């Protein structure tokens, strides 16, 4: 029989650094539509669940990849603001496109909206449920010190 350790896996992180799940409804954001949190903090990081182009009533916003990309990035911005951070602190973004052939059109809108923010990013073509795009992300918390990138 092996002993189980209680508390955070990393002893340097206190339990208070692990926020509880945020399953609150917001008038600005669509509900998750499932049993998961829109975002969660762990230490200095904010993990954001997949954002889709839906309004607070869960209606799909836009028909084109450009319109839906703008809507998804707006929803991502709202979640990051609720978590106390912003695009400038994004570390990683994962993008799911229902048609990878729309990558260039998506990328043009993404670059315009994101501006100077340039987190690492992966873009994957996959089947999505009635939308063209979904984005999840990891960001530094707003109160975390910004660490410069290390180039090797």
N, C-alpha and C. Protein backbone atom coordinates (compact mmCIF):
# COMPACT_ATOMS: atom_id res chain seq x y z
N UNK A 1 0.85 -1.18 0.00
CA UNK A 1 0.00 0.00 0.00
C UNK A 1 0.90 1.24 0.00
N UNK A 2 0.60 2.18 -0.86
CA UNK A 2 1.39 3.41 -0.91
C UNK A 2 0.65 4.52 -0.20
N UNK A 3 1.42 5.38 0.42
CA UNK A 3 0.82 6.52 1.13
C UNK A 3 0.43 7.59 0.13
N UNK A 4 -0.66 8.25 0.38
CA UNK A 4 -1.09 9.35 -0.47
C UNK A 4 -0.76 10.66 0.19
N UNK A 5 -0.20 11.53 -0.57
CA UNK A 5 0.15 12.85 -0.07
C UNK A 5 -1.07 13.76 -0.16
N UNK A 6 -1.30 14.53 0.86
CA UNK A 6 -2.42 15.47 0.85
C UNK A 6 -1.90 16.86 0.57
N UNK A 7 -2.75 17.68 -0.06
CA UNK A 7 -2.36 19.05 -0.36
C UNK A 7 -1.79 19.15 -1.77
N UNK A 8 -1.28 20.33 -2.12
CA UNK A 8 -0.76 20.54 -3.47
C UNK A 8 0.42 19.61 -3.76
N UNK A 9 0.58 19.23 -5.02
CA UNK A 9 1.68 18.37 -5.41
C UNK A 9 3.02 19.06 -5.21
N UNK A 10 3.06 20.36 -5.37
CA UNK A 10 4.29 21.13 -5.19
C UNK A 10 4.23 21.78 -3.81
N UNK A 11 5.10 21.39 -2.88
CA UNK A 11 5.03 21.93 -1.52
C UNK A 11 5.28 23.43 -1.45
N UNK A 12 5.82 24.03 -2.51
CA UNK A 12 6.04 25.48 -2.52
C UNK A 12 4.74 26.25 -2.72
N UNK A 13 3.70 25.56 -3.18
CA UNK A 13 2.41 26.21 -3.42
C UNK A 13 1.48 25.91 -2.27
N UNK A 14 0.95 26.94 -1.67
CA UNK A 14 -0.01 26.74 -0.58
C UNK A 14 -1.38 26.48 -1.17
N UNK A 15 -2.25 25.89 -0.38
CA UNK A 15 -3.61 25.62 -0.84
C UNK A 15 -4.33 26.90 -1.24
N UNK A 16 -3.97 28.04 -0.63
CA UNK A 16 -4.64 29.29 -0.96
C UNK A 16 -4.29 29.76 -2.37
N UNK A 17 -3.24 29.21 -2.98
CA UNK A 17 -2.89 29.59 -4.33
C UNK A 17 -3.71 28.82 -5.37
N UNK A 18 -4.53 27.90 -4.92
CA UNK A 18 -5.40 27.16 -5.81
C UNK A 18 -6.82 27.66 -5.61
N UNK A 19 -7.28 28.49 -6.53
CA UNK A 19 -8.62 29.05 -6.43
C UNK A 19 -9.64 27.94 -6.64
N UNK A 20 -10.81 28.12 -6.09
CA UNK A 20 -11.87 27.17 -6.36
C UNK A 20 -12.37 27.39 -7.78
N UNK A 21 -13.08 26.43 -8.31
CA UNK A 21 -13.62 26.55 -9.65
C UNK A 21 -14.56 27.74 -9.73
N UNK A 22 -14.59 28.37 -10.87
CA UNK A 22 -15.43 29.54 -11.08
C UNK A 22 -16.58 29.16 -12.00
N UNK A 23 -17.67 28.67 -11.41
CA UNK A 23 -18.83 28.25 -12.20
C UNK A 23 -19.93 29.29 -12.12
N UNK A 24 -19.54 30.54 -11.92
CA UNK A 24 -20.52 31.62 -11.81
C UNK A 24 -21.03 32.01 -13.19
N UNK A 25 -22.25 32.45 -13.23
CA UNK A 25 -22.83 32.95 -14.47
C UNK A 25 -22.53 34.44 -14.57
N UNK A 26 -22.24 34.91 -15.75
CA UNK A 26 -21.97 36.32 -15.98
C UNK A 26 -22.91 36.81 -17.06
N UNK A 27 -23.39 38.03 -16.90
CA UNK A 27 -24.29 38.58 -17.91
C UNK A 27 -23.53 38.91 -19.19
N UNK A 28 -22.21 38.97 -19.13
CA UNK A 28 -21.41 39.33 -20.30
C UNK A 28 -20.94 38.11 -21.08
N UNK A 29 -20.90 36.95 -20.44
CA UNK A 29 -20.35 35.76 -21.06
C UNK A 29 -21.41 34.68 -21.18
N UNK A 30 -21.26 33.80 -22.19
CA UNK A 30 -22.18 32.67 -22.27
C UNK A 30 -21.92 31.70 -21.13
N UNK A 31 -22.97 31.01 -20.69
CA UNK A 31 -22.76 29.97 -19.69
C UNK A 31 -21.95 28.86 -20.34
N UNK A 32 -21.29 28.07 -19.54
CA UNK A 32 -20.43 27.02 -20.09
C UNK A 32 -21.24 25.93 -20.80
N UNK A 33 -22.47 25.73 -20.38
CA UNK A 33 -23.27 24.68 -21.00
C UNK A 33 -22.88 23.29 -20.52
N UNK A 34 -22.02 23.20 -19.54
CA UNK A 34 -21.57 21.91 -19.02
C UNK A 34 -21.05 22.07 -17.61
N UNK A 35 -20.66 20.96 -17.01
CA UNK A 35 -20.17 20.98 -15.63
C UNK A 35 -18.66 21.19 -15.62
N UNK A 36 -18.25 22.41 -15.87
CA UNK A 36 -16.84 22.79 -15.80
C UNK A 36 -16.75 24.29 -15.58
N UNK A 37 -15.58 24.72 -15.18
CA UNK A 37 -15.35 26.12 -14.87
C UNK A 37 -14.88 26.88 -16.09
N UNK A 38 -15.33 28.13 -16.27
CA UNK A 38 -14.83 28.93 -17.38
C UNK A 38 -13.34 29.25 -17.23
N UNK A 39 -12.88 29.35 -15.96
CA UNK A 39 -11.46 29.56 -15.70
C UNK A 39 -11.13 29.10 -14.30
N UNK A 40 -9.82 28.86 -14.11
CA UNK A 40 -9.35 28.45 -12.80
C UNK A 40 -7.91 28.92 -12.63
N UNK A 41 -7.61 29.37 -11.43
CA UNK A 41 -6.25 29.80 -11.12
C UNK A 41 -5.52 28.68 -10.39
N UNK A 42 -4.26 28.46 -10.76
CA UNK A 42 -3.37 27.53 -10.07
C UNK A 42 -2.02 28.23 -9.95
N UNK A 43 -1.68 28.64 -8.75
CA UNK A 43 -0.44 29.38 -8.56
C UNK A 43 -0.50 30.71 -9.30
N UNK A 44 0.47 30.94 -10.19
CA UNK A 44 0.53 32.18 -10.95
C UNK A 44 -0.17 32.08 -12.30
N UNK A 45 -0.82 30.95 -12.58
CA UNK A 45 -1.41 30.75 -13.89
C UNK A 45 -2.94 30.74 -13.85
N UNK A 46 -3.53 31.26 -14.91
CA UNK A 46 -4.97 31.23 -15.13
C UNK A 46 -5.22 30.30 -16.32
N UNK A 47 -6.01 29.27 -16.11
CA UNK A 47 -6.37 28.33 -17.17
C UNK A 47 -7.79 28.66 -17.61
N UNK A 48 -7.97 28.93 -18.90
CA UNK A 48 -9.27 29.32 -19.44
C UNK A 48 -9.80 28.18 -20.30
N UNK A 49 -11.03 27.75 -20.01
CA UNK A 49 -11.68 26.71 -20.79
C UNK A 49 -11.97 27.22 -22.20
N UNK A 50 -12.24 26.31 -23.10
CA UNK A 50 -12.52 26.66 -24.48
C UNK A 50 -13.64 27.69 -24.62
N UNK A 51 -13.35 28.73 -25.37
CA UNK A 51 -14.32 29.79 -25.64
C UNK A 51 -14.83 29.63 -27.07
N UNK A 52 -16.13 29.77 -27.23
CA UNK A 52 -16.76 29.65 -28.54
C UNK A 52 -17.53 30.93 -28.85
N UNK A 53 -17.94 31.11 -30.11
CA UNK A 53 -18.64 32.35 -30.48
C UNK A 53 -20.12 32.31 -30.10
N UNK A 54 -20.39 32.44 -28.82
CA UNK A 54 -21.76 32.46 -28.33
C UNK A 54 -21.97 33.67 -27.44
N UNK A 55 -23.20 34.20 -27.47
CA UNK A 55 -23.55 35.32 -26.60
C UNK A 55 -24.05 34.76 -25.26
N UNK A 56 -24.37 35.63 -24.29
CA UNK A 56 -24.81 35.14 -22.98
C UNK A 56 -26.04 34.22 -23.02
N UNK A 57 -26.85 34.34 -24.07
CA UNK A 57 -28.02 33.45 -24.21
C UNK A 57 -27.67 32.17 -24.96
N UNK A 58 -26.38 31.98 -25.26
CA UNK A 58 -25.83 30.82 -25.96
C UNK A 58 -26.16 30.77 -27.44
N UNK A 59 -26.55 31.92 -28.03
CA UNK A 59 -26.76 31.99 -29.47
C UNK A 59 -25.40 32.13 -30.16
N UNK A 60 -25.25 31.49 -31.31
CA UNK A 60 -24.01 31.59 -32.07
C UNK A 60 -23.89 33.00 -32.65
N UNK A 61 -22.70 33.60 -32.49
CA UNK A 61 -22.42 34.94 -33.01
C UNK A 61 -21.66 34.79 -34.32
N UNK A 62 -22.17 35.38 -35.38
CA UNK A 62 -21.48 35.42 -36.67
C UNK A 62 -21.62 34.15 -37.47
N UNK A 63 -21.36 34.30 -38.77
CA UNK A 63 -21.43 33.16 -39.68
C UNK A 63 -20.06 32.86 -40.28
N UNK A 64 -19.26 33.90 -40.51
CA UNK A 64 -17.95 33.71 -41.14
C UNK A 64 -16.88 33.44 -40.08
N UNK A 65 -15.74 32.92 -40.54
CA UNK A 65 -14.64 32.68 -39.61
C UNK A 65 -14.15 33.99 -39.01
N UNK A 66 -14.19 35.07 -39.78
CA UNK A 66 -13.76 36.36 -39.26
C UNK A 66 -14.67 36.83 -38.12
N UNK A 67 -15.98 36.75 -38.33
CA UNK A 67 -16.94 37.17 -37.30
C UNK A 67 -16.83 36.29 -36.05
N UNK A 68 -16.71 34.99 -36.27
CA UNK A 68 -16.64 34.08 -35.13
C UNK A 68 -15.31 34.21 -34.38
N UNK A 69 -14.23 34.47 -35.09
CA UNK A 69 -12.94 34.68 -34.41
C UNK A 69 -13.01 35.92 -33.53
N UNK A 70 -13.58 37.00 -34.05
CA UNK A 70 -13.73 38.23 -33.27
C UNK A 70 -14.56 37.96 -32.02
N UNK A 71 -15.66 37.22 -32.16
CA UNK A 71 -16.53 36.91 -31.02
C UNK A 71 -15.81 36.05 -29.98
N UNK A 72 -15.07 35.05 -30.42
CA UNK A 72 -14.35 34.18 -29.50
C UNK A 72 -13.28 34.97 -28.74
N UNK A 73 -12.54 35.80 -29.45
CA UNK A 73 -11.51 36.60 -28.78
C UNK A 73 -12.12 37.59 -27.80
N UNK A 74 -13.30 38.11 -28.12
CA UNK A 74 -13.99 38.99 -27.17
C UNK A 74 -14.40 38.21 -25.92
N UNK A 75 -14.93 37.00 -26.10
CA UNK A 75 -15.29 36.17 -24.94
C UNK A 75 -14.05 35.83 -24.12
N UNK A 76 -12.94 35.53 -24.79
CA UNK A 76 -11.69 35.24 -24.08
C UNK A 76 -11.25 36.46 -23.27
N UNK A 77 -11.33 37.64 -23.88
CA UNK A 77 -10.96 38.88 -23.18
C UNK A 77 -11.81 39.07 -21.92
N UNK A 78 -13.13 38.81 -22.03
CA UNK A 78 -14.02 38.96 -20.88
C UNK A 78 -13.66 38.00 -19.75
N UNK A 79 -13.34 36.76 -20.09
CA UNK A 79 -12.96 35.78 -19.07
C UNK A 79 -11.64 36.20 -18.42
N UNK A 80 -10.68 36.62 -19.22
CA UNK A 80 -9.40 37.06 -18.66
C UNK A 80 -9.58 38.25 -17.73
N UNK A 81 -10.44 39.19 -18.12
CA UNK A 81 -10.71 40.35 -17.25
C UNK A 81 -11.32 39.89 -15.93
N UNK A 82 -12.27 38.96 -15.99
CA UNK A 82 -12.88 38.44 -14.76
C UNK A 82 -11.83 37.79 -13.87
N UNK A 83 -10.84 37.16 -14.49
CA UNK A 83 -9.77 36.49 -13.74
C UNK A 83 -8.67 37.46 -13.31
N UNK A 84 -8.79 38.74 -13.70
CA UNK A 84 -7.81 39.74 -13.29
C UNK A 84 -6.56 39.80 -14.14
N UNK A 85 -6.67 39.40 -15.41
CA UNK A 85 -5.52 39.44 -16.30
C UNK A 85 -5.97 39.89 -17.69
N UNK A 86 -5.08 39.82 -18.68
CA UNK A 86 -5.44 40.31 -20.01
C UNK A 86 -4.59 39.64 -21.09
N UNK A 87 -4.83 40.03 -22.35
CA UNK A 87 -4.11 39.43 -23.49
C UNK A 87 -2.60 39.54 -23.34
N UNK A 88 -2.10 40.62 -22.76
CA UNK A 88 -0.65 40.83 -22.67
C UNK A 88 0.02 39.77 -21.79
N UNK A 89 -0.76 39.06 -20.98
CA UNK A 89 -0.21 38.05 -20.07
C UNK A 89 -0.50 36.62 -20.55
N UNK A 90 -1.04 36.50 -21.76
CA UNK A 90 -1.26 35.16 -22.30
C UNK A 90 0.08 34.46 -22.49
N UNK A 91 0.12 33.19 -22.11
CA UNK A 91 1.32 32.38 -22.25
C UNK A 91 1.14 31.40 -23.41
N UNK A 92 -0.04 30.79 -23.48
CA UNK A 92 -0.32 29.75 -24.47
C UNK A 92 -1.76 29.85 -24.93
N UNK A 93 -1.97 29.68 -26.23
CA UNK A 93 -3.31 29.67 -26.81
C UNK A 93 -3.41 28.43 -27.69
N UNK A 94 -4.51 27.71 -27.56
CA UNK A 94 -4.77 26.58 -28.44
C UNK A 94 -6.05 26.87 -29.20
N UNK A 95 -5.97 26.79 -30.52
CA UNK A 95 -7.08 27.14 -31.40
C UNK A 95 -7.55 25.88 -32.12
N UNK A 96 -8.86 25.72 -32.17
CA UNK A 96 -9.48 24.61 -32.88
C UNK A 96 -10.32 25.21 -34.00
N UNK A 97 -10.07 24.80 -35.24
CA UNK A 97 -10.83 25.28 -36.39
C UNK A 97 -11.58 24.11 -37.02
N UNK A 98 -12.85 24.32 -37.33
CA UNK A 98 -13.62 23.25 -37.97
C UNK A 98 -13.18 23.04 -39.42
N UNK A 99 -12.55 24.05 -40.02
CA UNK A 99 -12.03 23.96 -41.38
C UNK A 99 -10.64 24.58 -41.38
N UNK A 100 -9.61 23.75 -41.37
CA UNK A 100 -8.24 24.26 -41.31
C UNK A 100 -7.92 25.09 -42.55
N UNK A 101 -8.70 24.94 -43.60
CA UNK A 101 -8.54 25.76 -44.80
C UNK A 101 -8.83 27.23 -44.55
N UNK A 102 -9.48 27.54 -43.43
CA UNK A 102 -9.77 28.93 -43.07
C UNK A 102 -8.68 29.56 -42.20
N UNK A 103 -7.55 28.85 -42.08
CA UNK A 103 -6.49 29.31 -41.19
C UNK A 103 -6.04 30.73 -41.51
N UNK A 104 -5.75 31.04 -42.76
CA UNK A 104 -5.24 32.38 -43.10
C UNK A 104 -6.23 33.47 -42.73
N UNK A 105 -7.51 33.24 -42.98
CA UNK A 105 -8.54 34.23 -42.64
C UNK A 105 -8.66 34.38 -41.12
N UNK A 106 -8.63 33.26 -40.40
CA UNK A 106 -8.62 33.32 -38.93
C UNK A 106 -7.40 34.08 -38.44
N UNK A 107 -6.23 33.73 -38.97
CA UNK A 107 -4.97 34.30 -38.50
C UNK A 107 -4.91 35.82 -38.70
N UNK A 108 -5.49 36.32 -39.78
CA UNK A 108 -5.50 37.76 -40.03
C UNK A 108 -6.27 38.49 -38.94
N UNK A 109 -7.44 37.96 -38.56
CA UNK A 109 -8.24 38.58 -37.49
C UNK A 109 -7.52 38.44 -36.15
N UNK A 110 -7.00 37.25 -35.88
CA UNK A 110 -6.29 36.99 -34.63
C UNK A 110 -5.15 37.99 -34.45
N UNK A 111 -4.33 38.17 -35.48
CA UNK A 111 -3.19 39.08 -35.40
C UNK A 111 -3.65 40.52 -35.16
N UNK A 112 -4.72 40.92 -35.81
CA UNK A 112 -5.23 42.29 -35.64
C UNK A 112 -5.74 42.51 -34.22
N UNK A 113 -6.51 41.57 -33.70
CA UNK A 113 -7.09 41.71 -32.36
C UNK A 113 -6.02 41.59 -31.28
N UNK A 114 -5.12 40.65 -31.42
CA UNK A 114 -4.11 40.40 -30.39
C UNK A 114 -3.03 41.47 -30.35
N UNK A 115 -2.79 42.14 -31.45
CA UNK A 115 -1.78 43.19 -31.47
C UNK A 115 -0.41 42.65 -31.10
N UNK A 116 0.22 43.30 -30.12
CA UNK A 116 1.58 42.94 -29.71
C UNK A 116 1.64 41.64 -28.91
N UNK A 117 0.51 41.20 -28.37
CA UNK A 117 0.50 39.95 -27.60
C UNK A 117 0.81 38.79 -28.55
N UNK A 118 1.82 38.01 -28.23
CA UNK A 118 2.21 36.91 -29.10
C UNK A 118 2.53 35.67 -28.27
N UNK A 119 1.50 35.08 -27.64
CA UNK A 119 1.75 33.85 -26.88
C UNK A 119 2.06 32.70 -27.82
N UNK A 120 2.64 31.62 -27.27
CA UNK A 120 2.80 30.43 -28.10
C UNK A 120 1.40 29.96 -28.49
N UNK A 121 1.31 29.35 -29.67
CA UNK A 121 -0.01 28.96 -30.15
C UNK A 121 0.08 27.69 -30.97
N UNK A 122 -0.94 26.86 -30.81
CA UNK A 122 -1.13 25.68 -31.64
C UNK A 122 -2.50 25.81 -32.27
N UNK A 123 -2.60 25.50 -33.56
CA UNK A 123 -3.89 25.53 -34.25
C UNK A 123 -4.15 24.15 -34.82
N UNK A 124 -5.34 23.63 -34.53
CA UNK A 124 -5.70 22.26 -34.89
C UNK A 124 -7.01 22.28 -35.67
N UNK A 125 -7.08 21.50 -36.74
CA UNK A 125 -8.33 21.30 -37.45
C UNK A 125 -9.08 20.14 -36.83
N UNK A 126 -10.36 20.33 -36.52
CA UNK A 126 -11.15 19.27 -35.88
C UNK A 126 -12.64 19.53 -36.05
N UNK A 127 -13.44 18.55 -35.70
CA UNK A 127 -14.90 18.71 -35.75
C UNK A 127 -15.34 19.51 -34.53
N UNK A 128 -16.16 20.52 -34.75
CA UNK A 128 -16.71 21.32 -33.66
C UNK A 128 -18.23 21.27 -33.73
N UNK A 129 -18.87 21.51 -32.63
CA UNK A 129 -20.32 21.39 -32.52
C UNK A 129 -21.03 22.67 -32.96
N UNK A 130 -21.20 22.86 -34.27
CA UNK A 130 -21.99 23.97 -34.78
C UNK A 130 -21.28 25.31 -34.87
N UNK A 131 -19.99 25.36 -34.55
CA UNK A 131 -19.23 26.61 -34.65
C UNK A 131 -17.97 26.35 -35.48
N UNK A 132 -17.34 27.43 -35.94
CA UNK A 132 -16.14 27.32 -36.76
C UNK A 132 -14.85 27.32 -35.95
N UNK A 133 -14.91 27.85 -34.70
CA UNK A 133 -13.69 28.07 -33.93
C UNK A 133 -13.94 27.92 -32.43
N UNK A 134 -12.93 27.43 -31.74
CA UNK A 134 -12.90 27.40 -30.27
C UNK A 134 -11.47 27.69 -29.85
N UNK A 135 -11.31 28.45 -28.77
CA UNK A 135 -9.98 28.79 -28.27
C UNK A 135 -9.93 28.57 -26.76
N UNK A 136 -8.89 27.86 -26.29
CA UNK A 136 -8.61 27.82 -24.85
C UNK A 136 -7.24 28.45 -24.63
N UNK A 137 -6.95 28.81 -23.39
CA UNK A 137 -5.73 29.58 -23.15
C UNK A 137 -5.20 29.40 -21.74
N UNK A 138 -3.93 29.75 -21.57
CA UNK A 138 -3.28 29.84 -20.27
C UNK A 138 -2.63 31.22 -20.21
N UNK A 139 -2.84 31.92 -19.09
CA UNK A 139 -2.27 33.26 -18.91
C UNK A 139 -1.63 33.37 -17.54
N UNK A 140 -0.72 34.31 -17.40
CA UNK A 140 -0.20 34.64 -16.08
C UNK A 140 -1.26 35.45 -15.35
N UNK A 141 -1.38 35.21 -14.06
CA UNK A 141 -2.30 36.00 -13.24
C UNK A 141 -1.85 37.46 -13.25
N UNK A 142 -2.81 38.36 -13.08
CA UNK A 142 -2.51 39.78 -13.10
C UNK A 142 -1.56 40.24 -12.02
N UNK A 143 -1.52 39.50 -10.90
CA UNK A 143 -0.63 39.89 -9.80
C UNK A 143 0.70 39.13 -9.82
N UNK A 144 0.92 38.31 -10.84
CA UNK A 144 2.16 37.55 -10.94
C UNK A 144 3.22 38.40 -11.64
N UNK A 145 4.48 38.29 -11.20
CA UNK A 145 5.54 39.04 -11.88
C UNK A 145 5.72 38.52 -13.30
N UNK A 146 5.90 39.42 -14.24
CA UNK A 146 6.13 39.02 -15.63
C UNK A 146 7.58 38.61 -15.77
N UNK A 147 7.77 37.40 -16.27
CA UNK A 147 9.13 36.89 -16.46
C UNK A 147 9.47 36.98 -17.94
N UNK A 148 10.64 37.51 -18.27
CA UNK A 148 11.01 37.61 -19.68
C UNK A 148 11.20 36.23 -20.30
N UNK A 149 10.96 36.15 -21.60
CA UNK A 149 11.19 34.90 -22.32
C UNK A 149 12.69 34.62 -22.34
N UNK A 150 13.04 33.36 -22.29
CA UNK A 150 14.44 32.96 -22.33
C UNK A 150 14.70 32.35 -23.69
N UNK A 151 15.60 32.94 -24.44
CA UNK A 151 15.97 32.41 -25.75
C UNK A 151 17.26 31.64 -25.62
N UNK A 152 17.30 30.45 -26.21
CA UNK A 152 18.52 29.66 -26.11
C UNK A 152 19.31 29.71 -27.39
